[in-house]
Amino acid sequence: MNGGDALLKGLGLPEPTAAVTATDGTVPTTAEAGRVLLHLINQTGTEVDSSLGRTPEAVTDEENLAIGDSDTVPDWFWDTEFIGGADIYPPATDGYSKKKT
């Protein structure tokens, strides 16, 4: 953990954890309202983008996951409310990112 991570952890924010492997991801299904400190564990060999957003209610998990396999952006994407900036973590590391949910 670097100095910036220690400072963020010192804020005492709720810490939902997400883990990403080369074939799967484990993310919390809910998060407390307000600011949170997202703990991202990158178990891949590449960088991971941890953007957080609220998709429209009608969007299924399958549609959300399929966006990475497409060359086009679906119409519902433009109605997604992004609630946290994107952060890139180096391969095989973990890190923290303060997000407002």
PDB file of N, CA and C in Angstrom:
ATOM      1  N   MET A   1       0.859  -1.169   0.000  1.00  0.00           N
ATOM      2  CA  MET A   1       0.000   0.000   0.000  1.00  0.00           C
ATOM      3  C   MET A   1       0.905   1.232   0.000  1.00  0.00           C
ATOM      4  N   ASN A   2       0.626   2.176  -0.897  1.00  0.00           N
ATOM      5  CA  ASN A   2       1.439   3.379  -0.948  1.00  0.00           C
ATOM      6  C   ASN A   2       0.897   4.439   0.012  1.00  0.00           C
ATOM      7  N   GLY A   3       1.586   5.579   0.146  1.00  0.00           N
ATOM      8  CA  GLY A   3       1.177   6.634   1.064  1.00  0.00           C
ATOM      9  C   GLY A   3      -0.205   7.177   0.779  1.00  0.00           C
ATOM     10  N   GLY A   4      -0.566   7.292  -0.511  1.00  0.00           N
ATOM     11  CA  GLY A   4      -1.892   7.774  -0.872  1.00  0.00           C
ATOM     12  C   GLY A   4      -2.976   6.830  -0.402  1.00  0.00           C
ATOM     13  N   ASP A   5      -2.736   5.520  -0.557  1.00  0.00           N
ATOM     14  CA  ASP A   5      -3.693   4.521  -0.081  1.00  0.00           C
ATOM     15  C   ASP A   5      -3.873   4.632   1.426  1.00  0.00           C
ATOM     16  N   ALA A   6      -2.774   4.797   2.162  1.00  0.00           N
ATOM     17  CA  ALA A   6      -2.855   4.901   3.621  1.00  0.00           C
ATOM     18  C   ALA A   6      -3.673   6.119   4.029  1.00  0.00           C
ATOM     19  N   LEU A   7      -3.484   7.224   3.328  1.00  0.00           N
ATOM     20  CA  LEU A   7      -4.269   8.422   3.642  1.00  0.00           C
ATOM     21  C   LEU A   7      -5.753   8.193   3.383  1.00  0.00           C
ATOM     22  N   LEU A   8      -6.083   7.557   2.265  1.00  0.00           N
ATOM     23  CA  LEU A   8      -7.483   7.270   1.959  1.00  0.00           C
ATOM     24  C   LEU A   8      -8.082   6.309   2.979  1.00  0.00           C
ATOM     25  N   LYS A   9      -7.348   5.270   3.352  1.00  0.00           N
ATOM     26  CA  LYS A   9      -7.851   4.317   4.340  1.00  0.00           C
ATOM     27  C   LYS A   9      -8.090   4.998   5.681  1.00  0.00           C
ATOM     28  N   GLY A  10      -7.307   6.009   5.994  1.00  0.00           N
ATOM     29  CA  GLY A  10      -7.452   6.743   7.248  1.00  0.00           C
ATOM     30  C   GLY A  10      -8.746   7.533   7.340  1.00  0.00           C
ATOM     31  N   LEU A  11      -9.454   7.703   6.231  1.00  0.00           N
ATOM     32  CA  LEU A  11     -10.713   8.444   6.246  1.00  0.00           C
ATOM     33  C   LEU A  11     -11.849   7.646   6.882  1.00  0.00           C
ATOM     34  N   GLY A  12     -11.670   6.345   7.030  1.00  0.00           N
ATOM     35  CA  GLY A  12     -12.690   5.510   7.653  1.00  0.00           C
ATOM     36  C   GLY A  12     -13.925   5.278   6.803  1.00  0.00           C
ATOM     37  N   LEU A  13     -13.780   5.369   5.482  1.00  0.00           N
ATOM     38  CA  LEU A  13     -14.915   5.155   4.578  1.00  0.00           C
ATOM     39  C   LEU A  13     -15.241   3.675   4.463  1.00  0.00           C
ATOM     40  N   PRO A  14     -16.492   3.327   4.128  1.00  0.00           N
ATOM     41  CA  PRO A  14     -16.813   1.926   3.835  1.00  0.00           C
ATOM     42  C   PRO A  14     -15.929   1.442   2.682  1.00  0.00           C
ATOM     43  N   GLU A  15     -15.493   0.167   2.726  1.00  0.00           N
ATOM     44  CA  GLU A  15     -14.556  -0.361   1.729  1.00  0.00           C
ATOM     45  C   GLU A  15     -15.101  -1.588   1.008  1.00  0.00           C
ATOM     46  N   PRO A  16     -15.981  -1.399   0.028  1.00  0.00           N
ATOM     47  CA  PRO A  16     -16.367  -2.561  -0.778  1.00  0.00           C
ATOM     48  C   PRO A  16     -15.163  -3.032  -1.587  1.00  0.00           C
ATOM     49  N   THR A  17     -15.046  -4.347  -1.771  1.00  0.00           N
ATOM     50  CA  THR A  17     -13.911  -4.923  -2.481  1.00  0.00           C
ATOM     51  C   THR A  17     -14.373  -5.607  -3.756  1.00  0.00           C
ATOM     52  N   ALA A  18     -13.647  -5.366  -4.841  1.00  0.00           N
ATOM     53  CA  ALA A  18     -13.882  -6.040  -6.116  1.00  0.00           C
ATOM     54  C   ALA A  18     -12.585  -6.744  -6.500  1.00  0.00           C
ATOM     55  N   ALA A  19     -12.700  -7.953  -7.019  1.00  0.00           N
ATOM     56  CA  ALA A  19     -11.539  -8.704  -7.485  1.00  0.00           C
ATOM     57  C   ALA A  19     -11.751  -9.075  -8.941  1.00  0.00           C
ATOM     58  N   VAL A  20     -10.705  -8.953  -9.750  1.00  0.00           N
ATOM     59  CA  VAL A  20     -10.793  -9.236 -11.174  1.00  0.00           C
ATOM     60  C   VAL A  20      -9.702 -10.234 -11.544  1.00  0.00           C
ATOM     61  N   THR A  21     -10.114 -11.329 -12.215  1.00  0.00           N
ATOM     62  CA  THR A  21      -9.158 -12.293 -12.756  1.00  0.00           C
ATOM     63  C   THR A  21      -9.217 -12.210 -14.271  1.00  0.00           C
ATOM     64  N   ALA A  22      -8.436 -13.008 -14.947  1.00  0.00           N
ATOM     65  CA  ALA A  22      -8.442 -12.998 -16.409  1.00  0.00           C
ATOM     66  C   ALA A  22      -9.759 -13.485 -16.984  1.00  0.00           C
ATOM     67  N   THR A  23     -10.535 -14.237 -16.201  1.00  0.00           N
ATOM     68  CA  THR A  23     -11.770 -14.805 -16.724  1.00  0.00           C
ATOM     69  C   THR A  23     -13.023 -14.411 -15.960  1.00  0.00           C
ATOM     70  N   ASP A  24     -12.890 -13.704 -14.841  1.00  0.00           N
ATOM     71  CA  ASP A  24     -14.056 -13.437 -14.007  1.00  0.00           C
ATOM     72  C   ASP A  24     -13.830 -12.197 -13.150  1.00  0.00           C
ATOM     73  N   GLY A  25     -14.894 -11.749 -12.558  1.00  0.00           N
ATOM     74  CA  GLY A  25     -14.815 -10.638 -11.624  1.00  0.00           C
ATOM     75  C   GLY A  25     -15.795 -10.849 -10.494  1.00  0.00           C
ATOM     76  N   THR A  26     -15.419 -10.432  -9.311  1.00  0.00           N
ATOM     77  CA  THR A  26     -16.296 -10.505  -8.149  1.00  0.00           C
ATOM     78  C   THR A  26     -16.470  -9.088  -7.634  1.00  0.00           C
ATOM     79  N   VAL A  27     -17.702  -8.616  -7.660  1.00  0.00           N
ATOM     80  CA  VAL A  27     -17.987  -7.252  -7.211  1.00  0.00           C
ATOM     81  C   VAL A  27     -19.137  -7.274  -6.215  1.00  0.00           C
ATOM     82  N   PRO A  28     -19.180  -6.286  -5.320  1.00  0.00           N
ATOM     83  CA  PRO A  28     -20.308  -6.215  -4.391  1.00  0.00           C
ATOM     84  C   PRO A  28     -21.597  -5.932  -5.169  1.00  0.00           C
ATOM     85  N   THR A  29     -22.698  -6.478  -4.690  1.00  0.00           N
ATOM     86  CA  THR A  29     -23.978  -6.222  -5.351  1.00  0.00           C
ATOM     87  C   THR A  29     -24.605  -4.927  -4.875  1.00  0.00           C
ATOM     88  N   THR A  30     -24.151  -4.407  -3.748  1.00  0.00           N
ATOM     89  CA  THR A  30     -24.659  -3.136  -3.226  1.00  0.00           C
ATOM     90  C   THR A  30     -23.507  -2.351  -2.621  1.00  0.00           C
ATOM     91  N   ALA A  31     -23.730  -1.073  -2.434  1.00  0.00           N
ATOM     92  CA  ALA A  31     -22.761  -0.211  -1.748  1.00  0.00           C
ATOM     93  C   ALA A  31     -23.542   0.820  -0.948  1.00  0.00           C
ATOM     94  N   GLU A  32     -22.958   1.240   0.143  1.00  0.00           N
ATOM     95  CA  GLU A  32     -23.603   2.260   0.952  1.00  0.00           C
ATOM     96  C   GLU A  32     -23.691   3.567   0.168  1.00  0.00           C
ATOM     97  N   ALA A  33     -24.739   4.338   0.440  1.00  0.00           N
ATOM     98  CA  ALA A  33     -24.863   5.649  -0.185  1.00  0.00           C
ATOM     99  C   ALA A  33     -23.776   6.565   0.377  1.00  0.00           C
ATOM    100  N   GLY A  34     -23.304   7.470  -0.439  1.00  0.00           N
ATOM    101  CA  GLY A  34     -22.259   8.393  -0.010  1.00  0.00           C
ATOM    102  C   GLY A  34     -20.904   7.959  -0.525  1.00  0.00           C
ATOM    103  N   ARG A  35     -19.883   8.475   0.068  1.00  0.00           N
ATOM    104  CA  ARG A  35     -18.519   8.161  -0.377  1.00  0.00           C
ATOM    105  C   ARG A  35     -18.098   6.791   0.118  1.00  0.00           C
ATOM    106  N   VAL A  36     -17.400   6.064  -0.748  1.00  0.00           N
ATOM    107  CA  VAL A  36     -16.835   4.768  -0.397  1.00  0.00           C
ATOM    108  C   VAL A  36     -15.399   4.724  -0.897  1.00  0.00           C
ATOM    109  N   LEU A  37     -14.635   3.829  -0.353  1.00  0.00           N
ATOM    110  CA  LEU A  37     -13.265   3.604  -0.797  1.00  0.00           C
ATOM    111  C   LEU A  37     -13.235   2.243  -1.478  1.00  0.00           C
ATOM    112  N   LEU A  38     -13.266   2.236  -2.801  1.00  0.00           N
ATOM    113  CA  LEU A  38     -13.300   0.986  -3.557  1.00  0.00           C
ATOM    114  C   LEU A  38     -11.929   0.324  -3.492  1.00  0.00           C
ATOM    115  N   HIS A  39     -11.905  -0.916  -3.042  1.00  0.00           N
ATOM    116  CA  HIS A  39     -10.677  -1.708  -2.999  1.00  0.00           C
ATOM    117  C   HIS A  39     -10.718  -2.656  -4.190  1.00  0.00           C
ATOM    118  N   LEU A  40      -9.835  -2.443  -5.144  1.00  0.00           N
ATOM    119  CA  LEU A  40      -9.795  -3.255  -6.358  1.00  0.00           C
ATOM    120  C   LEU A  40      -8.572  -4.150  -6.324  1.00  0.00           C
ATOM    121  N   ILE A  41      -8.808  -5.455  -6.454  1.00  0.00           N
ATOM    122  CA  ILE A  41      -7.721  -6.427  -6.505  1.00  0.00           C
ATOM    123  C   ILE A  41      -7.620  -6.929  -7.939  1.00  0.00           C
ATOM    124  N   ASN A  42      -6.522  -6.610  -8.593  1.00  0.00           N
ATOM    125  CA  ASN A  42      -6.293  -6.973  -9.986  1.00  0.00           C
ATOM    126  C   ASN A  42      -5.433  -8.232 -10.031  1.00  0.00           C
ATOM    127  N   GLN A  43      -6.047  -9.359 -10.405  1.00  0.00           N
ATOM    128  CA  GLN A  43      -5.345 -10.633 -10.500  1.00  0.00           C
ATOM    129  C   GLN A  43      -5.130 -11.026 -11.959  1.00  0.00           C
ATOM    130  N   THR A  44      -5.086 -10.027 -12.833  1.00  0.00           N
ATOM    131  CA  THR A  44      -4.888 -10.283 -14.257  1.00  0.00           C
ATOM    132  C   THR A  44      -3.455  -9.945 -14.642  1.00  0.00           C
ATOM    133  N   GLY A  45      -3.137 -10.140 -15.891  1.00  0.00           N
ATOM    134  CA  GLY A  45      -1.840  -9.751 -16.411  1.00  0.00           C
ATOM    135  C   GLY A  45      -1.888  -8.424 -17.146  1.00  0.00           C
ATOM    136  N   THR A  46      -3.017  -7.716 -17.035  1.00  0.00           N
ATOM    137  CA  THR A  46      -3.176  -6.446 -17.733  1.00  0.00           C
ATOM    138  C   THR A  46      -3.755  -5.396 -16.786  1.00  0.00           C
ATOM    139  N   GLU A  47      -3.870  -4.172 -17.284  1.00  0.00           N
ATOM    140  CA  GLU A  47      -4.474  -3.111 -16.493  1.00  0.00           C
ATOM    141  C   GLU A  47      -5.986  -3.291 -16.433  1.00  0.00           C
ATOM    142  N   VAL A  48      -6.618  -2.749 -15.384  1.00  0.00           N
ATOM    143  CA  VAL A  48      -8.064  -2.849 -15.194  1.00  0.00           C
ATOM    144  C   VAL A  48      -8.627  -1.453 -15.009  1.00  0.00           C
ATOM    145  N   ASP A  49      -9.719  -1.164 -15.701  1.00  0.00           N
ATOM    146  CA  ASP A  49     -10.423   0.113 -15.595  1.00  0.00           C
ATOM    147  C   ASP A  49     -11.600  -0.079 -14.651  1.00  0.00           C
ATOM    148  N   SER A  50     -11.670   0.715 -13.591  1.00  0.00           N
ATOM    149  CA  SER A  50     -12.696   0.482 -12.571  1.00  0.00           C
ATOM    150  C   SER A  50     -13.796   1.538 -12.564  1.00  0.00           C
ATOM    151  N   SER A  51     -14.241   1.962 -13.728  1.00  0.00           N
ATOM    152  CA  SER A  51     -15.341   2.923 -13.791  1.00  0.00           C
ATOM    153  C   SER A  51     -16.593   2.339 -13.136  1.00  0.00           C
ATOM    154  N   LEU A  52     -17.313   3.159 -12.406  1.00  0.00           N
ATOM    155  CA  LEU A  52     -18.551   2.731 -11.774  1.00  0.00           C
ATOM    156  C   LEU A  52     -19.702   3.517 -12.365  1.00  0.00           C
ATOM    157  N   GLY A  53     -20.779   2.822 -12.662  1.00  0.00           N
ATOM    158  CA  GLY A  53     -21.931   3.508 -13.234  1.00  0.00           C
ATOM    159  C   GLY A  53     -23.225   2.780 -12.933  1.00  0.00           C
ATOM    160  N   ARG A  54     -24.313   3.519 -13.042  1.00  0.00           N
ATOM    161  CA  ARG A  54     -25.660   2.947 -12.889  1.00  0.00           C
ATOM    162  C   ARG A  54     -26.282   2.871 -14.275  1.00  0.00           C
ATOM    163  N   THR A  55     -26.496   1.651 -14.742  1.00  0.00           N
ATOM    164  CA  THR A  55     -27.137   1.476 -16.038  1.00  0.00           C
ATOM    165  C   THR A  55     -28.647   1.598 -15.870  1.00  0.00           C
ATOM    166  N   PRO A  56     -29.356   1.881 -16.943  1.00  0.00           N
ATOM    167  CA  PRO A  56     -30.818   1.909 -16.862  1.00  0.00           C
ATOM    168  C   PRO A  56     -31.336   0.561 -16.355  1.00  0.00           C
ATOM    169  N   GLU A  57     -32.466   0.569 -15.642  1.00  0.00           N
ATOM    170  CA  GLU A  57     -33.005  -0.644 -15.017  1.00  0.00           C
ATOM    171  C   GLU A  57     -33.239  -1.783 -15.996  1.00  0.00           C
ATOM    172  N   ALA A  58     -33.605  -1.483 -17.218  1.00  0.00           N
ATOM    173  CA  ALA A  58     -33.937  -2.530 -18.185  1.00  0.00           C
ATOM    174  C   ALA A  58     -32.706  -3.280 -18.704  1.00  0.00           C
ATOM    175  N   VAL A  59     -31.511  -2.781 -18.469  1.00  0.00           N
ATOM    176  CA  VAL A  59     -30.294  -3.417 -18.979  1.00  0.00           C
ATOM    177  C   VAL A  59     -29.980  -4.654 -18.143  1.00  0.00           C
ATOM    178  N   THR A  60     -29.786  -5.779 -18.818  1.00  0.00           N
ATOM    179  CA  THR A  60     -29.488  -7.035 -18.129  1.00  0.00           C
ATOM    180  C   THR A  60     -27.984  -7.158 -17.874  1.00  0.00           C
ATOM    181  N   ASP A  61     -27.615  -8.064 -16.979  1.00  0.00           N
ATOM    182  CA  ASP A  61     -26.199  -8.334 -16.730  1.00  0.00           C
ATOM    183  C   ASP A  61     -25.509  -8.791 -18.012  1.00  0.00           C
ATOM    184  N   GLU A  62     -26.210  -9.612 -18.797  1.00  0.00           N
ATOM    185  CA  GLU A  62     -25.628 -10.116 -20.045  1.00  0.00           C
ATOM    186  C   GLU A  62     -25.335  -8.974 -21.021  1.00  0.00           C
ATOM    187  N   GLU A  63     -26.262  -8.009 -21.117  1.00  0.00           N
ATOM    188  CA  GLU A  63     -26.038  -6.862 -21.998  1.00  0.00           C
ATOM    189  C   GLU A  63     -24.864  -6.025 -21.513  1.00  0.00           C
ATOM    190  N   ASN A  64     -24.769  -5.859 -20.213  1.00  0.00           N
ATOM    191  CA  ASN A  64     -23.682  -5.076 -19.639  1.00  0.00           C
ATOM    192  C   ASN A  64     -22.331  -5.739 -19.911  1.00  0.00           C
ATOM    193  N   LEU A  65     -22.268  -7.049 -19.724  1.00  0.00           N
ATOM    194  CA  LEU A  65     -21.017  -7.769 -19.961  1.00  0.00           C
ATOM    195  C   LEU A  65     -20.648  -7.812 -21.436  1.00  0.00           C
ATOM    196  N   ALA A  66     -21.631  -7.844 -22.318  1.00  0.00           N
ATOM    197  CA  ALA A  66     -21.384  -7.950 -23.757  1.00  0.00           C
ATOM    198  C   ALA A  66     -20.760  -6.688 -24.343  1.00  0.00           C
ATOM    199  N   ILE A  67     -20.844  -5.584 -23.643  1.00  0.00           N
ATOM    200  CA  ILE A  67     -20.320  -4.330 -24.194  1.00  0.00           C
ATOM    201  C   ILE A  67     -18.814  -4.431 -24.476  1.00  0.00           C
ATOM    202  N   GLY A  68     -18.097  -5.239 -23.693  1.00  0.00           N
ATOM    203  CA  GLY A  68     -16.661  -5.403 -23.915  1.00  0.00           C
ATOM    204  C   GLY A  68     -16.318  -6.203 -25.150  1.00  0.00           C
ATOM    205  N   ASP A  69     -17.282  -6.954 -25.670  1.00  0.00           N
ATOM    206  CA  ASP A  69     -17.051  -7.790 -26.847  1.00  0.00           C
ATOM    207  C   ASP A  69     -17.566  -7.148 -28.132  1.00  0.00           C
ATOM    208  N   SER A  70     -17.984  -5.894 -28.047  1.00  0.00           N
ATOM    209  CA  SER A  70     -18.613  -5.242 -29.193  1.00  0.00           C
ATOM    210  C   SER A  70     -17.741  -4.116 -29.749  1.00  0.00           C
ATOM    211  N   ASP A  71     -17.894  -3.874 -31.033  1.00  0.00           N
ATOM    212  CA  ASP A  71     -17.201  -2.755 -31.670  1.00  0.00           C
ATOM    213  C   ASP A  71     -18.047  -1.488 -31.657  1.00  0.00           C
ATOM    214  N   THR A  72     -19.288  -1.614 -31.192  1.00  0.00           N
ATOM    215  CA  THR A  72     -20.187  -0.461 -31.140  1.00  0.00           C
ATOM    216  C   THR A  72     -20.676  -0.257 -29.712  1.00  0.00           C
ATOM    217  N   VAL A  73     -21.176   0.925 -29.446  1.00  0.00           N
ATOM    218  CA  VAL A  73     -21.707   1.258 -28.119  1.00  0.00           C
ATOM    219  C   VAL A  73     -23.224   1.178 -28.191  1.00  0.00           C
ATOM    220  N   PRO A  74     -23.855   0.408 -27.297  1.00  0.00           N
ATOM    221  CA  PRO A  74     -25.316   0.302 -27.336  1.00  0.00           C
ATOM    222  C   PRO A  74     -25.965   1.625 -26.917  1.00  0.00           C
ATOM    223  N   ASP A  75     -27.185   1.852 -27.383  1.00  0.00           N
ATOM    224  CA  ASP A  75     -27.894   3.099 -27.078  1.00  0.00           C
ATOM    225  C   ASP A  75     -28.046   3.334 -25.580  1.00  0.00           C
ATOM    226  N   TRP A  76     -28.274   2.263 -24.789  1.00  0.00           N
ATOM    227  CA  TRP A  76     -28.481   2.432 -23.353  1.00  0.00           C
ATOM    228  C   TRP A  76     -27.255   2.996 -22.652  1.00  0.00           C
ATOM    229  N   PHE A  77     -26.072   2.825 -23.238  1.00  0.00           N
ATOM    230  CA  PHE A  77     -24.836   3.319 -22.623  1.00  0.00           C
ATOM    231  C   PHE A  77     -24.912   4.819 -22.369  1.00  0.00           C
ATOM    232  N   TRP A  78     -25.534   5.566 -23.271  1.00  0.00           N
ATOM    233  CA  TRP A  78     -25.613   7.028 -23.155  1.00  0.00           C
ATOM    234  C   TRP A  78     -26.577   7.460 -22.058  1.00  0.00           C
ATOM    235  N   ASP A  79     -27.369   6.522 -21.540  1.00  0.00           N
ATOM    236  CA  ASP A  79     -28.267   6.807 -20.419  1.00  0.00           C
ATOM    237  C   ASP A  79     -27.695   6.307 -19.090  1.00  0.00           C
ATOM    238  N   THR A  80     -26.470   5.808 -19.112  1.00  0.00           N
ATOM    239  CA  THR A  80     -25.816   5.332 -17.895  1.00  0.00           C
ATOM    240  C   THR A  80     -25.302   6.522 -17.097  1.00  0.00           C
ATOM    241  N   GLU A  81     -25.536   6.497 -15.799  1.00  0.00           N
ATOM    242  CA  GLU A  81     -25.048   7.553 -14.906  1.00  0.00           C
ATOM    243  C   GLU A  81     -23.729   7.095 -14.292  1.00  0.00           C
ATOM    244  N   PHE A  82     -22.630   7.713 -14.716  1.00  0.00           N
ATOM    245  CA  PHE A  82     -21.325   7.339 -14.170  1.00  0.00           C
ATOM    246  C   PHE A  82     -21.107   8.088 -12.866  1.00  0.00           C
ATOM    247  N   ILE A  83     -20.799   7.325 -11.818  1.00  0.00           N
ATOM    248  CA  ILE A  83     -20.734   7.890 -10.480  1.00  0.00           C
ATOM    249  C   ILE A  83     -19.328   7.906  -9.908  1.00  0.00           C
ATOM    250  N   GLY A  84     -18.368   7.492 -10.696  1.00  0.00           N
ATOM    251  CA  GLY A  84     -16.983   7.511 -10.244  1.00  0.00           C
ATOM    252  C   GLY A  84     -16.060   7.515 -11.426  1.00  0.00           C
ATOM    253  N   GLY A  85     -14.927   8.158 -11.265  1.00  0.00           N
ATOM    254  CA  GLY A  85     -13.963   8.226 -12.349  1.00  0.00           C
ATOM    255  C   GLY A  85     -13.286   6.894 -12.584  1.00  0.00           C
ATOM    256  N   ALA A  86     -12.640   6.788 -13.719  1.00  0.00           N
ATOM    257  CA  ALA A  86     -11.921   5.561 -14.067  1.00  0.00           C
ATOM    258  C   ALA A  86     -10.528   5.603 -13.460  1.00  0.00           C
ATOM    259  N   ASP A  87     -10.082   4.486 -12.967  1.00  0.00           N
ATOM    260  CA  ASP A  87      -8.739   4.349 -12.423  1.00  0.00           C
ATOM    261  C   ASP A  87      -8.114   3.119 -13.039  1.00  0.00           C
ATOM    262  N   ILE A  88      -6.864   3.220 -13.387  1.00  0.00           N
ATOM    263  CA  ILE A  88      -6.154   2.095 -13.981  1.00  0.00           C
ATOM    264  C   ILE A  88      -5.174   1.549 -12.954  1.00  0.00           C
ATOM    265  N   TYR A  89      -5.237   0.251 -12.720  1.00  0.00           N
ATOM    266  CA  TYR A  89      -4.321  -0.390 -11.780  1.00  0.00           C
ATOM    267  C   TYR A  89      -3.360  -1.271 -12.551  1.00  0.00           C
ATOM    268  N   PRO A  90      -2.076  -1.236 -12.227  1.00  0.00           N
ATOM    269  CA  PRO A  90      -1.105  -2.094 -12.915  1.00  0.00           C
ATOM    270  C   PRO A  90      -1.451  -3.568 -12.727  1.00  0.00           C
ATOM    271  N   PRO A  91      -0.972  -4.411 -13.616  1.00  0.00           N
ATOM    272  CA  PRO A  91      -1.248  -5.843 -13.497  1.00  0.00           C
ATOM    273  C   PRO A  91      -0.796  -6.414 -12.153  1.00  0.00           C
ATOM    274  N   ALA A  92      -1.565  -7.383 -11.660  1.00  0.00           N
ATOM    275  CA  ALA A  92      -1.245  -8.137 -10.454  1.00  0.00           C
ATOM    276  C   ALA A  92      -1.003  -7.255  -9.232  1.00  0.00           C
ATOM    277  N   THR A  93      -1.870  -6.280  -9.012  1.00  0.00           N
ATOM    278  CA  THR A  93      -1.766  -5.418  -7.844  1.00  0.00           C
ATOM    279  C   THR A  93      -3.147  -5.196  -7.262  1.00  0.00           C
ATOM    280  N   ASP A  94      -3.182  -4.500  -6.154  1.00  0.00           N
ATOM    281  CA  ASP A  94      -4.464  -4.051  -5.652  1.00  0.00           C
ATOM    282  C   ASP A  94      -4.317  -2.582  -5.288  1.00  0.00           C
ATOM    283  N   GLY A  95      -5.431  -1.885  -5.228  1.00  0.00           N
ATOM    284  CA  GLY A  95      -5.390  -0.465  -4.952  1.00  0.00           C
ATOM    285  C   GLY A  95      -6.734   0.029  -4.481  1.00  0.00           C
ATOM    286  N   TYR A  96      -6.776   1.295  -4.175  1.00  0.00           N
ATOM    287  CA  TYR A  96      -7.971   1.913  -3.635  1.00  0.00           C
ATOM    288  C   TYR A  96      -8.350   3.118  -4.483  1.00  0.00           C
ATOM    289  N   SER A  97      -9.631   3.400  -4.534  1.00  0.00           N
ATOM    290  CA  SER A  97     -10.119   4.547  -5.266  1.00  0.00           C
ATOM    291  C   SER A  97     -11.340   5.098  -4.551  1.00  0.00           C
ATOM    292  N   LYS A  98     -11.310   6.362  -4.186  1.00  0.00           N
ATOM    293  CA  LYS A  98     -12.445   6.968  -3.500  1.00  0.00           C
ATOM    294  C   LYS A  98     -13.517   7.265  -4.525  1.00  0.00           C
ATOM    295  N   LYS A  99     -14.715   6.754  -4.303  1.00  0.00           N
ATOM    296  CA  LYS A  99     -15.839   6.939  -5.220  1.00  0.00           C
ATOM    297  C   LYS A  99     -17.024   7.456  -4.453  1.00  0.00           C
ATOM    298  N   LYS A 100     -17.809   8.280  -5.075  1.00  0.00           N
ATOM    299  CA  LYS A 100     -19.063   8.714  -4.471  1.00  0.00           C
ATOM    300  C   LYS A 100     -20.182   7.950  -5.146  1.00  0.00           C
ATOM    301  N   THR A 101     -20.996   7.232  -4.354  1.00  0.00           N
ATOM    302  CA  THR A 101     -22.087   6.453  -4.917  1.00  0.00           C
ATOM    303  C   THR A 101     -23.403   7.099  -4.619  1.00  0.00           C
TER     304      THR A 101
END
